[in-house]
N, C-alpha and C. Protein backbone atom coordinates (compact mmCIF):
# COMPACT_ATOMS: atom_id res chain seq x y z
N MET A 1 -16.11 130.88 -79.57
CA MET A 1 -17.76 131.91 -78.48
C MET A 1 -18.36 132.52 -79.75
N ALA A 2 -19.78 132.63 -79.57
CA ALA A 2 -20.30 132.55 -80.77
C ALA A 2 -21.93 132.72 -79.09
N ARG A 3 -22.62 134.09 -79.77
CA ARG A 3 -24.00 134.02 -78.78
C ARG A 3 -25.22 133.94 -79.79
N VAL A 4 -25.75 132.71 -79.20
CA VAL A 4 -26.61 132.06 -79.47
C VAL A 4 -27.81 131.63 -78.61
N SER A 5 -28.98 131.08 -79.32
CA SER A 5 -30.09 131.48 -78.43
C SER A 5 -29.80 129.57 -77.83
N LEU A 6 -29.81 128.94 -77.01
CA LEU A 6 -29.94 128.16 -76.53
C LEU A 6 -30.63 126.54 -77.56
N GLU A 7 -31.71 127.21 -77.98
CA GLU A 7 -32.42 126.36 -79.21
C GLU A 7 -31.07 126.42 -79.97
N ARG A 8 -30.12 126.56 -80.27
CA ARG A 8 -29.30 126.31 -81.47
C ARG A 8 -28.38 125.05 -80.99
N ILE A 9 -28.64 124.65 -79.86
CA ILE A 9 -27.82 123.36 -78.94
C ILE A 9 -28.79 122.31 -78.24
N ALA A 10 -30.16 123.09 -78.19
CA ALA A 10 -30.35 121.89 -77.06
C ALA A 10 -31.87 122.24 -77.55
N TRP A 11 -33.05 121.04 -77.47
CA TRP A 11 -34.49 120.92 -77.57
C TRP A 11 -35.04 120.90 -76.15
N GLY A 12 -35.88 121.16 -75.74
CA GLY A 12 -36.58 121.45 -74.99
C GLY A 12 -38.18 121.19 -75.17
N ARG A 13 -38.53 120.55 -73.40
CA ARG A 13 -39.96 120.25 -73.62
C ARG A 13 -40.35 120.45 -72.01
N SER A 14 -41.44 121.28 -71.82
CA SER A 14 -41.45 121.53 -70.85
C SER A 14 -43.45 121.00 -70.20
N GLY A 15 -43.42 120.92 -68.62
CA GLY A 15 -44.65 120.38 -68.20
C GLY A 15 -45.25 120.90 -66.67
N ASP A 16 -46.36 120.83 -66.27
CA ASP A 16 -46.67 121.00 -64.73
C ASP A 16 -47.20 120.22 -63.94
N LYS A 17 -47.34 120.91 -62.71
CA LYS A 17 -48.22 120.29 -61.81
C LYS A 17 -48.53 121.04 -60.53
N GLY A 18 -49.21 121.54 -60.44
CA GLY A 18 -49.79 122.48 -59.25
C GLY A 18 -49.23 123.60 -59.79
N GLU A 19 -48.27 124.49 -58.99
CA GLU A 19 -47.96 126.05 -58.89
C GLU A 19 -46.06 125.85 -59.49
N ALA A 20 -45.91 124.42 -59.82
CA ALA A 20 -44.47 124.74 -60.76
C ALA A 20 -44.76 123.75 -62.23
N SER A 21 -43.84 123.92 -62.25
CA SER A 21 -43.63 123.86 -64.18
C SER A 21 -42.19 123.26 -64.23
N ASN A 22 -42.09 122.11 -65.20
CA ASN A 22 -40.64 121.56 -65.04
C ASN A 22 -40.44 121.93 -66.43
N VAL A 23 -38.91 122.06 -66.86
CA VAL A 23 -38.38 122.17 -67.88
C VAL A 23 -37.44 121.39 -68.35
N GLY A 24 -37.14 121.03 -69.44
CA GLY A 24 -36.07 119.84 -69.61
C GLY A 24 -35.86 119.96 -71.17
N VAL A 25 -34.18 119.92 -70.70
CA VAL A 25 -33.00 121.09 -71.60
C VAL A 25 -32.58 119.39 -72.42
N ILE A 26 -32.40 119.07 -74.17
CA ILE A 26 -32.15 118.00 -74.15
C ILE A 26 -30.99 118.15 -75.29
N ALA A 27 -29.45 117.71 -74.65
CA ALA A 27 -28.14 118.80 -75.62
C ALA A 27 -28.64 117.72 -77.40
N ARG A 28 -28.88 118.13 -78.01
CA ARG A 28 -28.38 118.39 -79.32
C ARG A 28 -27.03 116.83 -79.70
N SER A 29 -26.29 117.29 -79.07
CA SER A 29 -24.94 116.71 -79.16
C SER A 29 -24.73 116.37 -78.22
N PRO A 30 -22.99 115.59 -78.38
CA PRO A 30 -22.79 114.89 -76.70
C PRO A 30 -21.69 116.49 -75.95
N ALA A 31 -21.48 117.17 -77.66
CA ALA A 31 -20.18 118.41 -77.49
C ALA A 31 -21.46 119.19 -76.45
N ALA A 32 -22.35 119.42 -76.75
CA ALA A 32 -23.53 120.35 -76.24
C ALA A 32 -23.81 119.44 -75.05
N TRP A 33 -24.38 118.19 -74.87
CA TRP A 33 -24.43 117.91 -73.44
C TRP A 33 -23.41 118.19 -72.34
N GLU A 34 -21.87 118.20 -72.82
CA GLU A 34 -21.57 118.71 -71.75
C GLU A 34 -20.84 119.95 -71.76
N TRP A 35 -21.64 120.33 -72.72
CA TRP A 35 -21.70 121.87 -72.08
C TRP A 35 -22.59 122.81 -71.35
N LEU A 36 -23.80 122.06 -71.50
CA LEU A 36 -25.37 121.96 -70.64
C LEU A 36 -24.49 121.44 -69.67
N ARG A 37 -24.17 120.63 -69.01
CA ARG A 37 -24.06 119.94 -68.22
C ARG A 37 -23.05 120.87 -67.03
N ALA A 38 -21.93 121.42 -68.01
CA ALA A 38 -20.88 122.55 -67.27
C ALA A 38 -21.19 123.75 -66.62
N ASN A 39 -22.24 124.02 -67.61
CA ASN A 39 -22.88 125.97 -67.55
C ASN A 39 -24.15 126.17 -67.56
N LEU A 40 -25.01 125.56 -67.94
CA LEU A 40 -26.84 125.91 -67.45
C LEU A 40 -26.99 125.06 -65.61
N THR A 41 -26.69 126.17 -65.40
CA THR A 41 -27.16 126.16 -64.00
C THR A 41 -28.42 126.40 -63.51
N ALA A 42 -28.79 126.06 -62.06
CA ALA A 42 -30.35 126.49 -61.77
C ALA A 42 -29.84 127.52 -61.89
N GLU A 43 -28.93 128.14 -61.41
CA GLU A 43 -29.15 129.55 -60.34
C GLU A 43 -29.53 130.50 -62.16
N LEU A 44 -28.49 130.00 -62.87
CA LEU A 44 -28.47 130.37 -64.29
C LEU A 44 -30.18 130.60 -64.76
N VAL A 45 -30.72 129.01 -64.83
CA VAL A 45 -32.36 129.26 -65.29
C VAL A 45 -33.22 130.45 -64.86
N ALA A 46 -32.59 130.46 -63.34
CA ALA A 46 -33.76 131.70 -62.63
C ALA A 46 -33.66 132.70 -62.93
N GLU A 47 -32.22 133.31 -63.04
CA GLU A 47 -31.58 134.99 -64.12
C GLU A 47 -32.57 134.39 -65.30
N SER A 48 -32.65 133.85 -66.08
CA SER A 48 -32.95 134.02 -67.56
C SER A 48 -34.82 133.99 -67.46
N LEU A 49 -35.15 132.94 -66.68
CA LEU A 49 -36.62 133.22 -66.43
C LEU A 49 -36.82 133.70 -65.46
N ALA A 50 -36.47 135.18 -65.04
CA ALA A 50 -36.49 135.77 -63.87
C ALA A 50 -38.36 135.89 -63.79
N GLY A 51 -38.82 136.40 -65.38
CA GLY A 51 -40.25 137.03 -65.50
C GLY A 51 -40.94 136.17 -64.79
N ILE A 52 -41.06 134.42 -64.98
CA ILE A 52 -41.54 133.65 -64.65
C ILE A 52 -41.78 133.03 -63.45
N VAL A 53 -40.18 133.05 -63.01
CA VAL A 53 -40.45 131.88 -61.69
C VAL A 53 -40.02 132.90 -60.53
N ARG A 54 -41.31 132.53 -59.48
CA ARG A 54 -40.58 133.52 -58.53
C ARG A 54 -39.87 132.12 -57.12
N GLY A 55 -40.34 131.06 -57.71
CA GLY A 55 -39.66 130.87 -56.67
C GLY A 55 -38.08 129.90 -56.68
N PRO A 56 -37.99 128.93 -55.57
CA PRO A 56 -36.82 128.68 -56.08
C PRO A 56 -36.25 127.69 -57.21
N VAL A 57 -35.39 127.26 -58.08
CA VAL A 57 -35.21 125.74 -59.39
C VAL A 57 -33.82 125.36 -59.33
N VAL A 58 -34.62 124.11 -59.32
CA VAL A 58 -33.77 122.66 -58.79
C VAL A 58 -33.98 122.10 -60.12
N ARG A 59 -32.13 121.65 -60.41
CA ARG A 59 -31.71 121.47 -61.53
C ARG A 59 -31.62 119.38 -61.46
N HIS A 60 -32.29 119.24 -62.00
CA HIS A 60 -31.53 116.82 -61.78
C HIS A 60 -31.14 116.95 -63.32
N GLU A 61 -29.98 116.59 -62.98
CA GLU A 61 -29.14 115.76 -64.01
C GLU A 61 -29.69 114.59 -64.97
N LEU A 62 -29.54 114.17 -65.85
CA LEU A 62 -30.39 112.52 -66.59
C LEU A 62 -28.95 112.30 -67.90
N PRO A 63 -28.38 111.96 -67.77
CA PRO A 63 -26.92 111.82 -67.96
C PRO A 63 -27.42 110.44 -69.34
N ASN A 64 -27.93 109.74 -68.36
CA ASN A 64 -28.43 108.80 -69.74
C ASN A 64 -29.47 109.17 -71.30
N LEU A 65 -30.18 110.13 -70.58
CA LEU A 65 -30.75 110.94 -72.24
C LEU A 65 -29.88 112.49 -72.29
N SER A 66 -28.48 112.56 -72.16
CA SER A 66 -28.03 113.76 -72.24
C SER A 66 -28.68 114.82 -72.21
N ALA A 67 -29.89 114.90 -70.96
CA ALA A 67 -30.60 116.31 -71.05
C ALA A 67 -30.57 116.58 -69.10
N LEU A 68 -30.87 118.18 -69.03
CA LEU A 68 -31.08 118.32 -67.83
C LEU A 68 -32.62 118.88 -67.74
N ASN A 69 -33.52 118.56 -66.17
CA ASN A 69 -34.81 118.74 -65.89
C ASN A 69 -35.10 119.51 -64.80
N PHE A 70 -35.22 120.55 -64.68
CA PHE A 70 -35.26 122.33 -64.15
C PHE A 70 -36.73 121.84 -63.44
N ILE A 71 -37.25 121.50 -62.01
CA ILE A 71 -38.30 122.17 -61.72
C ILE A 71 -38.24 123.82 -61.13
N LEU A 72 -39.16 124.43 -61.74
CA LEU A 72 -39.45 126.01 -61.66
C LEU A 72 -40.29 125.89 -60.45
N HIS A 73 -40.58 126.17 -59.25
CA HIS A 73 -41.15 126.25 -58.48
C HIS A 73 -41.91 128.01 -58.43
N ASP A 74 -43.12 127.91 -58.32
CA ASP A 74 -43.98 129.28 -57.73
C ASP A 74 -43.42 129.92 -59.03
N SER A 75 -43.93 129.23 -59.96
CA SER A 75 -43.75 129.82 -62.08
C SER A 75 -45.49 129.52 -62.44
N LEU A 76 -46.81 129.47 -61.76
CA LEU A 76 -47.82 129.16 -62.20
C LEU A 76 -49.32 129.82 -61.54
N GLY A 77 -48.86 130.82 -61.05
CA GLY A 77 -49.55 131.16 -60.23
C GLY A 77 -50.29 130.84 -59.01
N GLY A 78 -50.49 129.10 -59.28
CA GLY A 78 -50.74 128.92 -57.86
C GLY A 78 -51.89 127.54 -59.17
N GLY A 79 -51.20 127.29 -60.38
CA GLY A 79 -51.64 125.84 -61.13
C GLY A 79 -53.12 126.69 -62.42
N GLY A 80 -53.32 125.72 -63.31
CA GLY A 80 -54.16 126.25 -63.82
C GLY A 80 -55.89 126.94 -63.57
N SER A 81 -56.14 126.12 -62.67
CA SER A 81 -57.28 126.41 -62.05
C SER A 81 -57.00 127.71 -60.71
N ALA A 82 -56.26 127.78 -60.09
CA ALA A 82 -56.23 128.88 -59.28
C ALA A 82 -55.90 130.73 -60.35
N SER A 83 -55.55 130.35 -61.21
CA SER A 83 -54.36 131.57 -62.09
C SER A 83 -55.39 132.23 -62.66
N LEU A 84 -54.65 133.49 -63.21
CA LEU A 84 -55.04 134.29 -64.40
C LEU A 84 -53.65 134.39 -65.35
N LEU A 85 -53.09 134.08 -65.34
CA LEU A 85 -51.72 133.81 -65.85
C LEU A 85 -52.53 132.72 -67.41
N THR A 86 -52.40 133.30 -68.59
CA THR A 86 -52.81 133.37 -70.00
C THR A 86 -51.71 131.91 -70.09
N ASP A 87 -50.87 131.47 -69.57
CA ASP A 87 -49.87 129.84 -70.07
C ASP A 87 -49.70 129.82 -68.47
N ALA A 88 -50.74 129.79 -67.51
CA ALA A 88 -50.95 128.86 -65.94
C ALA A 88 -50.71 127.21 -66.40
N GLN A 89 -50.24 126.57 -66.73
CA GLN A 89 -50.50 125.06 -67.42
C GLN A 89 -48.72 125.05 -67.69
N GLY A 90 -47.68 125.82 -67.95
CA GLY A 90 -46.31 126.24 -68.60
C GLY A 90 -45.91 125.48 -69.41
N LYS A 91 -47.07 125.30 -70.65
CA LYS A 91 -46.69 124.83 -71.82
C LYS A 91 -45.33 125.43 -72.43
N THR A 92 -45.35 126.83 -72.05
CA THR A 92 -44.45 127.92 -73.19
C THR A 92 -43.29 127.56 -72.75
N HIS A 93 -43.03 127.90 -71.11
CA HIS A 93 -41.36 127.98 -70.26
C HIS A 93 -40.52 127.02 -70.50
N ALA A 94 -40.34 126.06 -71.62
CA ALA A 94 -39.09 125.68 -72.89
C ALA A 94 -38.67 126.47 -73.73
N GLN A 95 -40.19 127.10 -73.71
CA GLN A 95 -39.50 127.85 -75.58
C GLN A 95 -38.98 129.26 -74.90
N ALA A 96 -39.47 129.44 -73.51
CA ALA A 96 -38.82 130.26 -73.29
C ALA A 96 -37.48 130.83 -73.32
N LEU A 97 -37.14 129.63 -72.05
CA LEU A 97 -35.17 128.90 -72.11
C LEU A 97 -34.91 129.32 -73.10
N LEU A 98 -35.33 128.50 -74.56
CA LEU A 98 -34.46 127.65 -75.28
C LEU A 98 -34.23 129.30 -76.41
N ARG A 99 -35.17 130.42 -75.99
CA ARG A 99 -34.68 131.49 -77.29
C ARG A 99 -33.82 132.93 -76.01
N VAL A 100 -33.38 132.14 -75.29
CA VAL A 100 -32.38 133.64 -74.57
C VAL A 100 -31.03 133.16 -74.97
N GLU A 101 -30.20 133.75 -75.09
CA GLU A 101 -28.94 134.10 -75.72
C GLU A 101 -27.68 133.45 -74.84
N PHE A 102 -26.44 132.65 -75.07
CA PHE A 102 -25.58 132.32 -73.69
C PHE A 102 -24.59 132.12 -75.02
N GLU A 103 -23.44 132.52 -73.98
CA GLU A 103 -22.08 132.80 -75.52
C GLU A 103 -21.54 131.18 -75.09
N VAL A 104 -21.50 130.30 -76.12
CA VAL A 104 -20.69 128.91 -76.54
C VAL A 104 -19.77 129.35 -77.49
N PRO A 105 -18.60 128.00 -77.25
CA PRO A 105 -17.93 128.14 -77.66
C PRO A 105 -17.76 127.45 -79.37
N GLY A 106 -17.27 127.89 -80.19
CA GLY A 106 -17.73 127.53 -81.55
C GLY A 106 -17.40 126.00 -81.68
N GLU A 107 -16.40 125.13 -81.04
CA GLU A 107 -16.15 123.96 -81.01
C GLU A 107 -17.59 123.18 -80.84
N VAL A 108 -18.71 123.31 -80.18
CA VAL A 108 -19.69 122.99 -79.27
C VAL A 108 -20.54 123.17 -80.53
N LEU A 109 -20.47 124.30 -80.92
CA LEU A 109 -21.47 124.73 -82.08
C LEU A 109 -21.33 124.04 -83.14
N ALA A 110 -20.03 123.96 -83.40
CA ALA A 110 -19.57 122.76 -85.00
C ALA A 110 -19.75 121.58 -84.73
N ALA A 111 -19.85 120.75 -83.42
CA ALA A 111 -20.08 119.59 -83.20
C ALA A 111 -21.31 119.63 -83.31
N THR A 112 -22.93 120.19 -83.34
CA THR A 112 -23.96 119.99 -82.97
C THR A 112 -24.45 120.73 -84.33
N PRO A 113 -25.41 119.58 -85.00
CA PRO A 113 -25.59 119.64 -86.55
C PRO A 113 -27.12 120.62 -85.66
N GLU A 114 -27.36 121.58 -86.81
CA GLU A 114 -28.08 122.39 -86.87
C GLU A 114 -29.81 121.76 -87.29
């Protein structure tokens, strides 16, 4: 096991709609996909982004893309036109999650190109 940032095994993309943002996490390898699918839960994402997310987090699997999509409810202070938040559009939420460190097995890291 090694403690690494999520960006070591995944890419990310985020967007927004109203008061919610979404974060897509795309595996860099089949081994990373299996690890993400088993370990990156909605609860873990909510805990990891506790300073951003005030509402529930909902996870959707996209196996054909080796990706997970998380809807972060109440994460934008009402949305771009209703908030004084610097990032009321949610474009940095994926990067915030990718910087969180997790314990990842060595075999997943070995199977995932840098």
